[in-house]
Amino acid sequence: MPEQRRKHPRLPVTSTTFIELLSARVGQNESAQLITCNTVDVSRGGLQVILSEELTVGAILQIGVDLPNAPGTLYLAGEVRWCLPSDDERHPWKAGFQILNAEDTDIATWVAMIAIMEG
C-alpha cells in the first residue's frame, strides 16, 4: 500500500513472531500448529513478516510478537491482507497483517509500545 494511504507510519523493526495457523481443539490430543517468523516492519495498525509458508489472504490468525522493550510477548489477532513471494531463500514468503481490535488481546499495549517507538 502506498505510504500516503497508510494511517500510521511503518517502523523498521525485526522481532520474533509466532503465528498460530491451526488452533488446538479442546478435548483432543492435537497441538496448535505454530510457525516462527520475523517482522520486517510494524505500525499501530499492522505488521509485515517474512516467513517460510504461504498464508491465506483473508485468514484471521492469532499472532504473538516479541517487540523490543515490551514486557513480554504481545498476543494479537490479525487479518492476512496480502501474501507474496519474497526474494529471500530462507523466508520465501512475505505477508502483511492488519491488527484487529479484538477482545482478550494485547492491542492496547501494542498501540502504546508502537507510539513510544514512533517518538
N, C-alpha and C. Protein backbone atom coordinates (compact mmCIF):
# COMPACT_ATOMS: atom_id res chain seq x y z
N MET A 1 0.85 -1.17 0.00
CA MET A 1 0.00 0.00 0.00
C MET A 1 0.89 1.23 0.00
N PRO A 2 0.58 2.22 -0.81
CA PRO A 2 1.39 3.43 -0.82
C PRO A 2 1.42 4.09 0.56
N GLU A 3 2.58 4.62 0.92
CA GLU A 3 2.77 5.20 2.25
C GLU A 3 1.76 6.31 2.53
N GLN A 4 1.38 7.11 1.51
CA GLN A 4 0.46 8.20 1.74
C GLN A 4 -0.95 7.71 2.09
N ARG A 5 -1.29 6.47 1.78
CA ARG A 5 -2.61 5.92 2.11
C ARG A 5 -2.64 5.28 3.48
N ARG A 6 -1.51 5.11 4.12
CA ARG A 6 -1.45 4.48 5.42
C ARG A 6 -1.90 5.45 6.51
N LYS A 7 -2.59 4.91 7.52
CA LYS A 7 -3.00 5.72 8.66
C LYS A 7 -1.83 5.97 9.60
N HIS A 8 -0.92 4.99 9.68
CA HIS A 8 0.17 5.05 10.65
C HIS A 8 1.50 4.76 9.95
N PRO A 9 2.57 5.43 10.38
CA PRO A 9 3.88 5.17 9.76
C PRO A 9 4.39 3.78 10.08
N ARG A 10 5.12 3.21 9.14
CA ARG A 10 5.78 1.91 9.32
C ARG A 10 7.14 2.13 9.96
N LEU A 11 7.46 1.30 10.94
CA LEU A 11 8.76 1.36 11.61
C LEU A 11 9.54 0.10 11.29
N PRO A 12 10.79 0.23 10.83
CA PRO A 12 11.58 -0.97 10.52
C PRO A 12 12.03 -1.66 11.81
N VAL A 13 11.32 -2.70 12.20
CA VAL A 13 11.59 -3.42 13.44
C VAL A 13 11.65 -4.91 13.13
N THR A 14 12.72 -5.56 13.57
CA THR A 14 12.84 -7.01 13.43
C THR A 14 12.55 -7.65 14.78
N SER A 15 11.46 -8.40 14.86
CA SER A 15 11.07 -9.07 16.09
C SER A 15 10.65 -10.50 15.79
N THR A 16 10.96 -11.40 16.71
CA THR A 16 10.48 -12.77 16.57
C THR A 16 8.96 -12.76 16.70
N THR A 17 8.31 -13.48 15.80
CA THR A 17 6.85 -13.51 15.74
C THR A 17 6.39 -14.95 15.61
N PHE A 18 5.30 -15.27 16.31
CA PHE A 18 4.71 -16.60 16.26
C PHE A 18 3.31 -16.46 15.67
N ILE A 19 3.00 -17.28 14.68
CA ILE A 19 1.68 -17.25 14.06
C ILE A 19 1.03 -18.61 14.24
N GLU A 20 -0.18 -18.60 14.80
CA GLU A 20 -0.92 -19.84 15.01
C GLU A 20 -1.75 -20.13 13.75
N LEU A 21 -1.31 -21.13 12.99
CA LEU A 21 -2.00 -21.49 11.75
C LEU A 21 -3.21 -22.36 12.02
N LEU A 22 -3.13 -23.18 13.07
CA LEU A 22 -4.20 -24.10 13.40
C LEU A 22 -4.29 -24.18 14.91
N SER A 23 -5.47 -23.92 15.46
CA SER A 23 -5.66 -23.95 16.91
C SER A 23 -5.80 -25.38 17.40
N ALA A 24 -5.38 -25.61 18.64
CA ALA A 24 -5.59 -26.92 19.27
C ALA A 24 -7.08 -27.06 19.57
N ARG A 25 -7.61 -28.25 19.38
CA ARG A 25 -9.03 -28.50 19.67
C ARG A 25 -9.18 -28.91 21.13
N VAL A 26 -10.16 -28.33 21.78
CA VAL A 26 -10.43 -28.66 23.17
C VAL A 26 -10.85 -30.12 23.26
N GLY A 27 -10.26 -30.86 24.18
CA GLY A 27 -10.60 -32.27 24.37
C GLY A 27 -9.92 -33.21 23.40
N GLN A 28 -9.08 -32.69 22.52
CA GLN A 28 -8.37 -33.52 21.55
C GLN A 28 -6.89 -33.57 21.92
N ASN A 29 -6.19 -34.55 21.42
CA ASN A 29 -4.76 -34.66 21.66
C ASN A 29 -3.94 -33.93 20.60
N GLU A 30 -4.55 -33.03 19.89
CA GLU A 30 -3.85 -32.27 18.86
C GLU A 30 -3.25 -31.02 19.47
N SER A 31 -2.09 -30.63 18.98
CA SER A 31 -1.50 -29.38 19.45
C SER A 31 -1.68 -28.32 18.37
N ALA A 32 -1.54 -27.08 18.78
CA ALA A 32 -1.66 -25.99 17.82
C ALA A 32 -0.50 -26.06 16.82
N GLN A 33 -0.76 -25.61 15.60
CA GLN A 33 0.30 -25.55 14.59
C GLN A 33 0.80 -24.11 14.54
N LEU A 34 2.06 -23.92 14.98
CA LEU A 34 2.67 -22.60 15.02
C LEU A 34 3.83 -22.52 14.04
N ILE A 35 4.02 -21.33 13.48
CA ILE A 35 5.25 -21.08 12.73
C ILE A 35 5.94 -19.88 13.37
N THR A 36 7.24 -19.88 13.30
CA THR A 36 8.03 -18.77 13.81
C THR A 36 8.57 -17.99 12.62
N CYS A 37 8.46 -16.68 12.71
CA CYS A 37 8.95 -15.83 11.63
C CYS A 37 9.46 -14.52 12.23
N ASN A 38 9.75 -13.54 11.40
CA ASN A 38 10.25 -12.25 11.86
C ASN A 38 9.49 -11.11 11.21
N THR A 39 9.31 -10.04 11.98
CA THR A 39 8.72 -8.84 11.40
C THR A 39 9.77 -8.14 10.54
N VAL A 40 9.28 -7.44 9.53
CA VAL A 40 10.10 -6.56 8.69
C VAL A 40 9.84 -5.12 9.13
N ASP A 41 8.56 -4.81 9.33
CA ASP A 41 8.18 -3.50 9.85
C ASP A 41 6.86 -3.63 10.60
N VAL A 42 6.60 -2.62 11.44
CA VAL A 42 5.40 -2.62 12.26
C VAL A 42 4.79 -1.23 12.26
N SER A 43 3.50 -1.16 12.56
CA SER A 43 2.81 0.11 12.76
C SER A 43 1.73 -0.13 13.80
N ARG A 44 1.06 0.93 14.19
CA ARG A 44 -0.02 0.77 15.18
C ARG A 44 -1.12 -0.15 14.65
N GLY A 45 -1.30 -0.17 13.34
CA GLY A 45 -2.40 -0.94 12.77
C GLY A 45 -2.02 -2.20 12.03
N GLY A 46 -0.72 -2.52 11.96
CA GLY A 46 -0.36 -3.70 11.19
C GLY A 46 1.10 -4.07 11.33
N LEU A 47 1.46 -5.13 10.62
CA LEU A 47 2.85 -5.56 10.58
C LEU A 47 3.10 -6.36 9.32
N GLN A 48 4.36 -6.37 8.90
CA GLN A 48 4.80 -7.18 7.76
C GLN A 48 5.80 -8.20 8.29
N VAL A 49 5.65 -9.44 7.83
CA VAL A 49 6.54 -10.51 8.26
C VAL A 49 7.15 -11.21 7.06
N ILE A 50 8.30 -11.85 7.29
CA ILE A 50 8.88 -12.77 6.31
C ILE A 50 8.78 -14.15 6.93
N LEU A 51 8.38 -15.13 6.12
CA LEU A 51 8.11 -16.45 6.68
C LEU A 51 8.33 -17.55 5.66
N SER A 52 8.26 -18.78 6.15
CA SER A 52 8.57 -19.94 5.32
C SER A 52 7.35 -20.53 4.62
N GLU A 53 6.15 -20.10 4.99
CA GLU A 53 4.93 -20.68 4.42
C GLU A 53 4.03 -19.60 3.85
N GLU A 54 3.30 -19.97 2.82
CA GLU A 54 2.30 -19.06 2.26
C GLU A 54 1.09 -19.02 3.19
N LEU A 55 0.53 -17.84 3.37
CA LEU A 55 -0.67 -17.67 4.18
C LEU A 55 -1.86 -17.36 3.28
N THR A 56 -3.04 -17.71 3.75
CA THR A 56 -4.27 -17.46 3.01
C THR A 56 -4.74 -16.02 3.25
N VAL A 57 -4.85 -15.25 2.18
CA VAL A 57 -5.34 -13.88 2.30
C VAL A 57 -6.76 -13.92 2.85
N GLY A 58 -7.03 -13.07 3.83
CA GLY A 58 -8.33 -13.02 4.48
C GLY A 58 -8.42 -13.84 5.75
N ALA A 59 -7.44 -14.71 5.98
CA ALA A 59 -7.45 -15.53 7.20
C ALA A 59 -7.23 -14.63 8.41
N ILE A 60 -7.93 -14.92 9.49
CA ILE A 60 -7.74 -14.22 10.75
C ILE A 60 -6.99 -15.18 11.67
N LEU A 61 -5.80 -14.76 12.09
CA LEU A 61 -4.90 -15.63 12.82
C LEU A 61 -4.45 -14.99 14.13
N GLN A 62 -4.09 -15.83 15.09
CA GLN A 62 -3.51 -15.37 16.35
C GLN A 62 -2.02 -15.16 16.12
N ILE A 63 -1.50 -14.05 16.63
CA ILE A 63 -0.10 -13.68 16.42
C ILE A 63 0.51 -13.33 17.77
N GLY A 64 1.73 -13.78 18.00
CA GLY A 64 2.50 -13.38 19.17
C GLY A 64 3.75 -12.67 18.70
N VAL A 65 3.99 -11.46 19.21
CA VAL A 65 5.15 -10.66 18.76
C VAL A 65 5.99 -10.29 19.97
N ASP A 66 7.30 -10.51 19.86
CA ASP A 66 8.25 -10.11 20.90
C ASP A 66 8.88 -8.77 20.51
N LEU A 67 8.15 -7.68 20.75
CA LEU A 67 8.67 -6.35 20.43
C LEU A 67 9.82 -5.99 21.36
N PRO A 68 10.81 -5.24 20.86
CA PRO A 68 11.88 -4.77 21.75
C PRO A 68 11.29 -3.91 22.88
N ASN A 69 11.77 -4.12 24.09
CA ASN A 69 11.36 -3.38 25.28
C ASN A 69 9.93 -3.64 25.73
N ALA A 70 9.24 -4.60 25.13
CA ALA A 70 7.89 -4.95 25.59
C ALA A 70 8.02 -5.81 26.85
N PRO A 71 6.99 -5.80 27.70
CA PRO A 71 7.05 -6.58 28.95
C PRO A 71 7.03 -8.09 28.72
N GLY A 72 6.77 -8.53 27.53
CA GLY A 72 6.71 -9.95 27.18
C GLY A 72 6.12 -10.07 25.79
N THR A 73 5.79 -11.28 25.40
CA THR A 73 5.16 -11.49 24.09
C THR A 73 3.79 -10.82 24.07
N LEU A 74 3.51 -10.07 23.03
CA LEU A 74 2.21 -9.44 22.85
C LEU A 74 1.36 -10.33 21.95
N TYR A 75 0.17 -10.67 22.43
CA TYR A 75 -0.73 -11.56 21.69
C TYR A 75 -1.81 -10.73 21.00
N LEU A 76 -1.90 -10.92 19.69
CA LEU A 76 -2.78 -10.11 18.85
C LEU A 76 -3.59 -11.01 17.93
N ALA A 77 -4.65 -10.44 17.36
CA ALA A 77 -5.39 -11.08 16.28
C ALA A 77 -5.16 -10.23 15.04
N GLY A 78 -4.88 -10.90 13.92
CA GLY A 78 -4.61 -10.15 12.71
C GLY A 78 -5.19 -10.81 11.48
N GLU A 79 -5.59 -9.98 10.52
CA GLU A 79 -6.09 -10.49 9.25
C GLU A 79 -4.99 -10.40 8.21
N VAL A 80 -4.78 -11.49 7.48
CA VAL A 80 -3.79 -11.51 6.40
C VAL A 80 -4.36 -10.67 5.26
N ARG A 81 -3.72 -9.55 4.97
CA ARG A 81 -4.19 -8.65 3.91
C ARG A 81 -3.57 -8.98 2.57
N TRP A 82 -2.33 -9.50 2.60
CA TRP A 82 -1.65 -9.90 1.37
C TRP A 82 -0.55 -10.89 1.73
N CYS A 83 -0.18 -11.70 0.76
CA CYS A 83 0.93 -12.65 0.91
C CYS A 83 1.56 -12.82 -0.47
N LEU A 84 2.87 -12.56 -0.55
CA LEU A 84 3.58 -12.59 -1.83
C LEU A 84 4.90 -13.33 -1.69
N PRO A 85 5.40 -13.88 -2.80
CA PRO A 85 6.74 -14.48 -2.75
C PRO A 85 7.78 -13.41 -2.42
N SER A 86 8.83 -13.82 -1.71
CA SER A 86 9.93 -12.89 -1.41
C SER A 86 11.19 -13.35 -2.13
N ASP A 87 12.21 -12.52 -2.09
CA ASP A 87 13.49 -12.86 -2.72
C ASP A 87 14.43 -13.60 -1.78
N ASP A 88 13.99 -13.84 -0.55
CA ASP A 88 14.81 -14.47 0.48
C ASP A 88 14.61 -15.99 0.44
N GLU A 89 15.67 -16.74 0.16
CA GLU A 89 15.55 -18.20 0.06
C GLU A 89 15.16 -18.84 1.39
N ARG A 90 15.63 -18.27 2.51
CA ARG A 90 15.30 -18.84 3.82
C ARG A 90 13.87 -18.52 4.23
N HIS A 91 13.35 -17.42 3.75
CA HIS A 91 11.98 -16.99 4.05
C HIS A 91 11.30 -16.64 2.72
N PRO A 92 10.80 -17.66 2.01
CA PRO A 92 10.32 -17.42 0.64
C PRO A 92 9.00 -16.66 0.52
N TRP A 93 8.39 -16.30 1.65
CA TRP A 93 7.12 -15.56 1.60
C TRP A 93 7.19 -14.32 2.49
N LYS A 94 6.43 -13.31 2.11
CA LYS A 94 6.23 -12.14 2.96
C LYS A 94 4.74 -11.87 3.00
N ALA A 95 4.28 -11.39 4.15
CA ALA A 95 2.84 -11.18 4.33
C ALA A 95 2.59 -9.93 5.16
N GLY A 96 1.46 -9.30 4.89
CA GLY A 96 1.04 -8.13 5.64
C GLY A 96 -0.21 -8.44 6.44
N PHE A 97 -0.20 -8.03 7.71
CA PHE A 97 -1.33 -8.24 8.60
C PHE A 97 -1.93 -6.90 9.01
N GLN A 98 -3.25 -6.86 9.09
CA GLN A 98 -3.94 -5.76 9.74
C GLN A 98 -4.27 -6.25 11.14
N ILE A 99 -3.84 -5.50 12.16
CA ILE A 99 -4.12 -5.88 13.54
C ILE A 99 -5.58 -5.53 13.84
N LEU A 100 -6.29 -6.49 14.42
CA LEU A 100 -7.71 -6.31 14.72
C LEU A 100 -7.89 -5.90 16.18
N ASN A 101 -8.87 -5.06 16.42
CA ASN A 101 -9.20 -4.63 17.78
C ASN A 101 -10.10 -5.70 18.40
N ALA A 102 -9.48 -6.77 18.88
CA ALA A 102 -10.22 -7.93 19.39
C ALA A 102 -10.08 -8.04 20.90
N GLU A 103 -11.10 -8.59 21.54
CA GLU A 103 -11.05 -8.83 22.98
C GLU A 103 -10.00 -9.88 23.29
N ASP A 104 -9.52 -9.85 24.53
CA ASP A 104 -8.54 -10.82 25.01
C ASP A 104 -7.25 -10.82 24.20
N THR A 105 -6.88 -9.64 23.68
CA THR A 105 -5.59 -9.49 23.01
C THR A 105 -4.84 -8.34 23.68
N ASP A 106 -3.61 -8.17 23.29
CA ASP A 106 -2.77 -7.10 23.85
C ASP A 106 -2.74 -5.88 22.94
N ILE A 107 -3.86 -5.59 22.27
CA ILE A 107 -3.90 -4.49 21.31
C ILE A 107 -3.56 -3.15 21.96
N ALA A 108 -4.04 -2.89 23.18
CA ALA A 108 -3.77 -1.60 23.83
C ALA A 108 -2.28 -1.45 24.12
N THR A 109 -1.64 -2.51 24.59
CA THR A 109 -0.20 -2.47 24.86
C THR A 109 0.57 -2.31 23.55
N TRP A 110 0.13 -3.01 22.50
CA TRP A 110 0.77 -2.90 21.18
C TRP A 110 0.76 -1.44 20.71
N VAL A 111 -0.41 -0.82 20.74
CA VAL A 111 -0.53 0.57 20.26
C VAL A 111 0.35 1.49 21.11
N ALA A 112 0.36 1.29 22.43
CA ALA A 112 1.18 2.12 23.31
C ALA A 112 2.67 1.94 23.02
N MET A 113 3.11 0.69 22.82
CA MET A 113 4.52 0.42 22.54
C MET A 113 4.94 1.02 21.20
N ILE A 114 4.09 0.90 20.18
CA ILE A 114 4.42 1.47 18.87
C ILE A 114 4.47 3.00 18.96
N ALA A 115 3.54 3.59 19.72
CA ALA A 115 3.53 5.05 19.88
C ALA A 115 4.84 5.52 20.51
N ILE A 116 5.35 4.79 21.49
CA ILE A 116 6.64 5.13 22.11
C ILE A 116 7.76 5.02 21.08
N MET A 117 7.73 3.97 20.26
CA MET A 117 8.77 3.76 19.25
C MET A 117 8.73 4.85 18.18
N GLU A 118 7.53 5.38 17.91
CA GLU A 118 7.40 6.45 16.92
C GLU A 118 8.06 7.75 17.40
N GLY A 119 8.19 7.86 18.74
CA GLY A 119 8.85 9.05 19.31
C GLY A 119 7.87 10.10 19.54
